[in-house]
Amino acid sequence: SFVLLCLVVVLCSIGLLFVKEKTPDERIKSQLESEENVKRNLSSFGNLATIIAWIYGTVLEPLLSFFKKNGITIGIYIISFIFLFKIGEAFLGRMSIIFYKEIGFSKSDIALYSKGIGWITTVCFTLIGGVFAIRAGILKALFISGIAMASTNLFFSLLAWVGKSELLFAVAVLLDDLATAFATVAFVAFISLLVDRTYTATQYALLASVGTAGRTLLASSSGAMVDWLDGDWGTFFVITAVMVIPSLAILWMIKNKLNLGQKT
């Protein structure tokens, strides 16, 4: 199966080599102007000025543009929201397989409910989530999906307290896939609306990496948390549900101050 996955990734990567990327003229013009200004000011540094100018034009200028558009305070709030939004889901995801095994589910059970049915429901719910996000609006979709993620995590607490139950396991996984797919659609759309047309790729990559860093850095302590709770899985999943509250509080504070869709 890993060989098959490897082949799929390689084939997709080969296909990308034949796709021509059209870079917007305004993006090239803006980047070149920024680089030339830096080179001019740092001409005494010789070849080093060229490297510094490139870094400024491709990384620092997009960051400065982001904070110029949103303001430093709102910009920090936005980054904090992106960093924290899916932390609880990341904690759950890191420990879910271990939890399933501890309460008595076999590998075949996990493969069927968590992996087999999971990918089908994820695809379907992603499409449904996209339609809802368009109809309801991105901010409302973020609030609803955040609450949904927290609520579905509580089903895993119930599973921990009740014990092995295939029906409850299937329901918990199904609802979790629904909430996760919905949240992912809203989250991606939110980041897409934050970026400038001139620096779309760079700003999106930087903001998305902030979200990934949050899930990777903080969720790495999930195992230590379970040990600290002496294996109390029910309480652990309740804590993962509560983790979404700080991000939603931040979003509520800035919801009327966001420049969504106003690309420059």
Protein backbone atom coordinates (compact mmCIF):
# COMPACT_ATOMS: atom_id res chain seq x y z
CA SER A 1 0.00 0.00 0.00
CA PHE A 2 2.88 2.37 0.75
CA VAL A 3 4.42 1.62 -2.66
CA LEU A 4 1.09 2.43 -4.30
CA LEU A 5 0.86 5.71 -2.41
CA CYS A 6 4.41 6.54 -3.44
CA LEU A 7 3.60 5.92 -7.10
CA VAL A 8 0.51 8.13 -6.93
CA VAL A 9 2.50 11.00 -5.41
CA VAL A 10 5.29 10.61 -7.98
CA LEU A 11 2.83 10.56 -10.90
CA CYS A 12 1.06 13.66 -9.61
CA SER A 13 4.40 15.42 -9.15
CA ILE A 14 5.47 14.55 -12.70
CA GLY A 15 2.21 15.99 -14.00
CA LEU A 16 2.90 19.27 -12.23
CA LEU A 17 6.13 19.67 -14.19
CA PHE A 18 4.11 20.13 -17.37
CA VAL A 19 1.77 22.75 -15.93
CA LYS A 20 2.71 26.29 -16.90
CA GLU A 21 2.27 28.84 -14.14
CA LYS A 22 1.07 32.25 -15.17
CA THR A 23 2.49 34.82 -12.79
CA PRO A 24 0.46 38.06 -12.64
CA ASP A 25 2.30 41.02 -14.15
CA GLU A 26 1.50 43.20 -11.11
CA ARG A 27 3.15 40.66 -8.84
CA ILE A 28 6.34 40.61 -10.93
CA LYS A 29 6.37 44.39 -11.19
CA SER A 30 5.89 44.90 -7.46
CA GLN A 31 8.55 42.35 -6.53
CA LEU A 32 11.08 43.78 -8.99
CA GLU A 33 10.48 47.31 -7.74
CA SER A 34 11.00 46.21 -4.14
CA GLU A 35 14.18 44.33 -5.00
CA GLU A 36 15.60 47.25 -6.97
CA ASN A 37 14.96 49.65 -4.10
CA VAL A 38 16.73 47.35 -1.66
CA LYS A 39 19.66 46.83 -4.04
CA ARG A 40 19.99 50.57 -4.45
CA ASN A 41 20.04 51.19 -0.71
CA LEU A 42 22.46 48.32 -0.05
CA SER A 43 24.71 48.75 -3.07
CA SER A 44 27.79 48.87 -0.83
CA PHE A 45 27.21 45.21 0.14
CA GLY A 46 27.90 43.96 -3.40
CA ASN A 47 26.45 40.52 -4.27
CA LEU A 48 25.01 40.18 -0.77
CA ALA A 49 22.63 43.02 -1.62
CA THR A 50 21.07 40.85 -4.35
CA ILE A 51 20.34 38.03 -1.89
CA ILE A 52 18.92 40.42 0.71
CA ALA A 53 16.80 42.10 -1.96
CA TRP A 54 15.37 38.76 -3.08
CA ILE A 55 14.50 37.75 0.50
CA TYR A 56 12.87 41.13 1.07
CA GLY A 57 10.84 40.96 -2.14
CA THR A 58 9.63 37.37 -1.72
CA VAL A 59 9.17 37.09 2.07
CA LEU A 60 9.35 40.36 3.98
CA GLU A 61 7.37 42.50 1.54
CA PRO A 62 4.35 40.13 1.58
CA LEU A 63 4.44 40.15 5.39
CA LEU A 64 4.62 43.94 5.53
CA SER A 65 1.75 44.14 3.04
CA PHE A 66 -0.35 41.83 5.23
CA PHE A 67 0.17 43.96 8.35
CA LYS A 68 -0.28 47.18 6.38
CA LYS A 69 -3.65 45.94 5.15
CA ASN A 70 -4.92 44.67 8.51
CA GLY A 71 -2.94 46.69 11.02
CA ILE A 72 -0.42 45.24 13.45
CA THR A 73 -2.93 44.47 16.23
CA ILE A 74 -5.55 42.83 14.00
CA GLY A 75 -2.79 41.07 12.06
CA ILE A 76 -1.47 39.49 15.27
CA TYR A 77 -5.01 38.46 16.25
CA ILE A 78 -5.52 36.85 12.83
CA ILE A 79 -2.27 34.91 13.11
CA SER A 80 -3.20 33.82 16.64
CA PHE A 81 -6.58 32.58 15.44
CA ILE A 82 -4.99 30.61 12.59
CA PHE A 83 -2.43 29.15 15.00
CA LEU A 84 -5.05 27.99 17.52
CA PHE A 85 -8.16 27.12 15.51
CA LYS A 86 -7.56 23.41 14.90
CA ILE A 87 -5.42 22.62 17.94
CA GLY A 88 -8.07 20.48 19.63
CA GLU A 89 -8.62 18.43 16.50
CA ALA A 90 -4.87 17.92 16.21
CA PHE A 91 -4.65 16.65 19.80
CA LEU A 92 -7.48 14.20 19.12
CA GLY A 93 -5.98 13.03 15.83
CA ARG A 94 -2.58 12.33 17.37
CA MET A 95 -3.98 10.02 20.03
CA SER A 96 -7.08 8.55 18.38
CA ILE A 97 -5.53 5.28 17.14
CA ILE A 98 -3.96 4.60 20.55
CA PHE A 99 -7.32 5.28 22.18
CA TYR A 100 -9.17 2.92 19.84
CA LYS A 101 -6.73 0.12 20.64
CA GLU A 102 -6.86 0.71 24.39
CA ILE A 103 -10.64 0.34 24.61
CA GLY A 104 -10.56 -2.89 22.63
CA PHE A 105 -11.05 -2.19 18.93
CA SER A 106 -9.11 -4.39 16.53
CA LYS A 107 -7.04 -3.16 13.61
CA SER A 108 -9.77 -4.29 11.22
CA ASP A 109 -12.38 -2.27 13.17
CA ILE A 110 -10.18 0.81 13.05
CA ALA A 111 -9.50 0.33 9.35
CA LEU A 112 -13.20 -0.05 8.57
CA TYR A 113 -14.66 2.81 10.59
CA SER A 114 -11.82 5.30 10.95
CA LYS A 115 -10.05 4.85 7.62
CA GLY A 116 -12.41 3.03 5.26
CA ILE A 117 -15.62 4.96 5.84
CA GLY A 118 -13.71 8.05 6.92
CA TRP A 119 -12.27 9.06 3.57
CA ILE A 120 -15.62 8.65 1.81
CA THR A 121 -17.45 10.80 4.34
CA THR A 122 -14.66 13.37 4.31
CA VAL A 123 -14.97 13.89 0.55
CA CYS A 124 -18.76 14.12 0.70
CA PHE A 125 -18.79 16.44 3.71
CA THR A 126 -16.13 18.68 2.16
CA LEU A 127 -18.40 19.31 -0.82
CA ILE A 128 -21.37 19.96 1.47
CA GLY A 129 -19.25 22.23 3.66
CA GLY A 130 -18.18 24.24 0.63
CA VAL A 131 -21.78 24.88 -0.37
CA PHE A 132 -22.71 25.89 3.18
CA ALA A 133 -19.73 28.25 3.49
CA ILE A 134 -20.79 30.01 0.30
CA ARG A 135 -24.39 30.33 1.43
CA ALA A 136 -23.79 31.28 5.07
CA GLY A 137 -20.59 33.29 4.78
CA ILE A 138 -17.05 32.47 5.87
CA LEU A 139 -17.15 33.91 9.38
CA LYS A 140 -20.41 32.20 10.27
CA ALA A 141 -19.04 28.97 8.81
CA LEU A 142 -15.93 29.28 11.00
CA PHE A 143 -17.97 29.78 14.15
CA ILE A 144 -20.32 26.89 13.38
CA SER A 145 -17.52 24.52 12.33
CA GLY A 146 -15.50 25.42 15.43
CA ILE A 147 -18.44 24.62 17.69
CA ALA A 148 -19.05 21.44 15.68
CA MET A 149 -15.44 20.30 16.15
CA ALA A 150 -15.71 20.82 19.89
CA SER A 151 -19.07 19.05 20.11
CA THR A 152 -18.00 16.00 18.12
CA ASN A 153 -14.92 15.57 20.32
CA LEU A 154 -17.31 14.99 23.21
CA PHE A 155 -18.59 11.85 21.47
CA PHE A 156 -15.12 10.36 21.97
CA SER A 157 -15.41 11.21 25.67
CA LEU A 158 -18.71 9.35 25.72
CA LEU A 159 -17.07 6.41 23.96
CA ALA A 160 -14.30 6.39 26.59
CA TRP A 161 -16.82 6.35 29.43
CA VAL A 162 -19.20 3.80 27.86
CA GLY A 163 -16.51 1.44 26.60
CA LYS A 164 -16.28 -0.51 23.38
CA SER A 165 -19.33 0.14 21.19
CA GLU A 166 -19.12 -0.19 17.43
CA LEU A 167 -22.26 1.89 16.93
CA LEU A 168 -20.98 4.77 19.05
CA PHE A 169 -17.55 4.42 17.41
CA ALA A 170 -19.09 4.75 13.94
CA VAL A 171 -21.22 7.74 14.99
CA ALA A 172 -18.24 9.50 16.62
CA VAL A 173 -16.03 9.01 13.56
CA LEU A 174 -18.79 10.06 11.16
CA LEU A 175 -19.58 13.27 13.03
CA ASP A 176 -15.89 14.05 13.54
CA ASP A 177 -15.27 13.70 9.80
CA LEU A 178 -18.21 16.00 9.13
CA ALA A 179 -16.93 18.68 11.51
CA THR A 180 -13.32 18.38 10.34
CA ALA A 181 -14.22 18.62 6.64
CA PHE A 182 -16.51 21.56 7.31
CA ALA A 183 -13.84 23.35 9.36
CA THR A 184 -11.16 22.72 6.75
CA VAL A 185 -13.27 24.24 3.97
CA ALA A 186 -14.09 27.32 6.05
CA PHE A 187 -10.47 27.64 7.22
CA VAL A 188 -9.00 27.48 3.72
CA ALA A 189 -11.58 29.95 2.42
CA PHE A 190 -10.81 32.31 5.30
CA ILE A 191 -7.08 32.33 4.56
CA SER A 192 -7.77 32.75 0.83
CA LEU A 193 -9.79 35.90 1.53
CA LEU A 194 -7.03 37.38 3.70
CA VAL A 195 -4.30 37.39 1.05
CA ASP A 196 -3.50 40.19 -1.39
CA ARG A 197 -3.72 39.61 -5.11
CA THR A 198 -0.12 40.77 -5.52
CA TYR A 199 1.30 38.30 -2.97
CA THR A 200 -1.33 35.55 -3.05
CA ALA A 201 0.98 32.52 -3.10
CA THR A 202 3.48 33.79 -0.53
CA GLN A 203 0.93 35.09 1.95
CA TYR A 204 -1.21 31.97 1.68
CA ALA A 205 1.83 29.74 2.21
CA LEU A 206 2.95 31.76 5.25
CA LEU A 207 -0.51 31.82 6.87
CA ALA A 208 -1.16 28.14 6.18
CA SER A 209 2.23 27.25 7.67
CA VAL A 210 1.24 29.10 10.86
CA GLY A 211 -1.78 26.82 11.18
CA THR A 212 0.35 23.76 10.51
CA ALA A 213 2.95 24.91 13.04
CA GLY A 214 0.27 25.28 15.70
CA ARG A 215 -1.06 21.78 15.15
CA THR A 216 2.43 20.28 14.98
CA LEU A 217 4.12 22.06 17.88
CA LEU A 218 1.34 22.04 20.45
CA ALA A 219 -0.21 18.68 19.56
CA SER A 220 3.16 16.99 20.06
CA SER A 221 2.43 17.17 23.79
CA SER A 222 -0.82 15.19 23.47
CA GLY A 223 0.77 11.96 24.70
CA ALA A 224 2.23 13.72 27.73
CA MET A 225 -1.21 15.11 28.52
CA VAL A 226 -2.78 11.63 28.48
CA ASP A 227 -0.03 10.42 30.83
CA TRP A 228 -0.57 13.43 33.09
CA LEU A 229 -4.29 12.52 33.24
CA ASP A 230 -3.34 8.93 34.14
CA GLY A 231 -4.99 7.61 31.00
CA ASP A 232 -8.31 9.38 31.63
CA TRP A 233 -9.40 9.49 27.99
CA GLY A 234 -12.81 10.98 28.74
CA THR A 235 -11.29 14.05 30.37
CA PHE A 236 -8.66 14.28 27.63
CA PHE A 237 -11.30 14.58 24.91
CA VAL A 238 -13.25 17.13 26.95
CA ILE A 239 -10.07 19.22 27.11
CA THR A 240 -9.63 18.94 23.32
CA ALA A 241 -13.17 20.24 22.93
CA VAL A 242 -12.44 23.25 25.15
CA MET A 243 -9.30 24.08 23.16
CA VAL A 244 -11.33 25.70 20.37
CA ILE A 245 -12.70 28.40 22.70
CA PRO A 246 -9.66 30.77 22.60
CA SER A 247 -9.62 30.86 18.79
CA LEU A 248 -13.37 31.51 18.56
CA ALA A 249 -13.05 34.25 21.18
CA ILE A 250 -10.34 35.91 19.08
CA LEU A 251 -12.47 35.62 15.94
CA TRP A 252 -15.43 37.17 17.76
CA MET A 253 -13.27 40.12 18.84
CA ILE A 254 -12.10 40.93 15.31
CA LYS A 255 -15.06 39.81 13.20
CA ASN A 256 -16.14 43.38 12.41
CA LYS A 257 -12.60 44.58 11.69
CA LEU A 258 -11.52 42.08 9.04
CA ASN A 259 -10.86 43.15 5.45
CA LEU A 260 -12.08 39.93 3.89
CA GLY A 261 -12.22 39.93 0.13
CA GLN A 262 -10.59 43.35 -0.22
CA LYS A 263 -7.61 42.35 -2.29
CA THR A 264 -4.90 44.80 -3.20
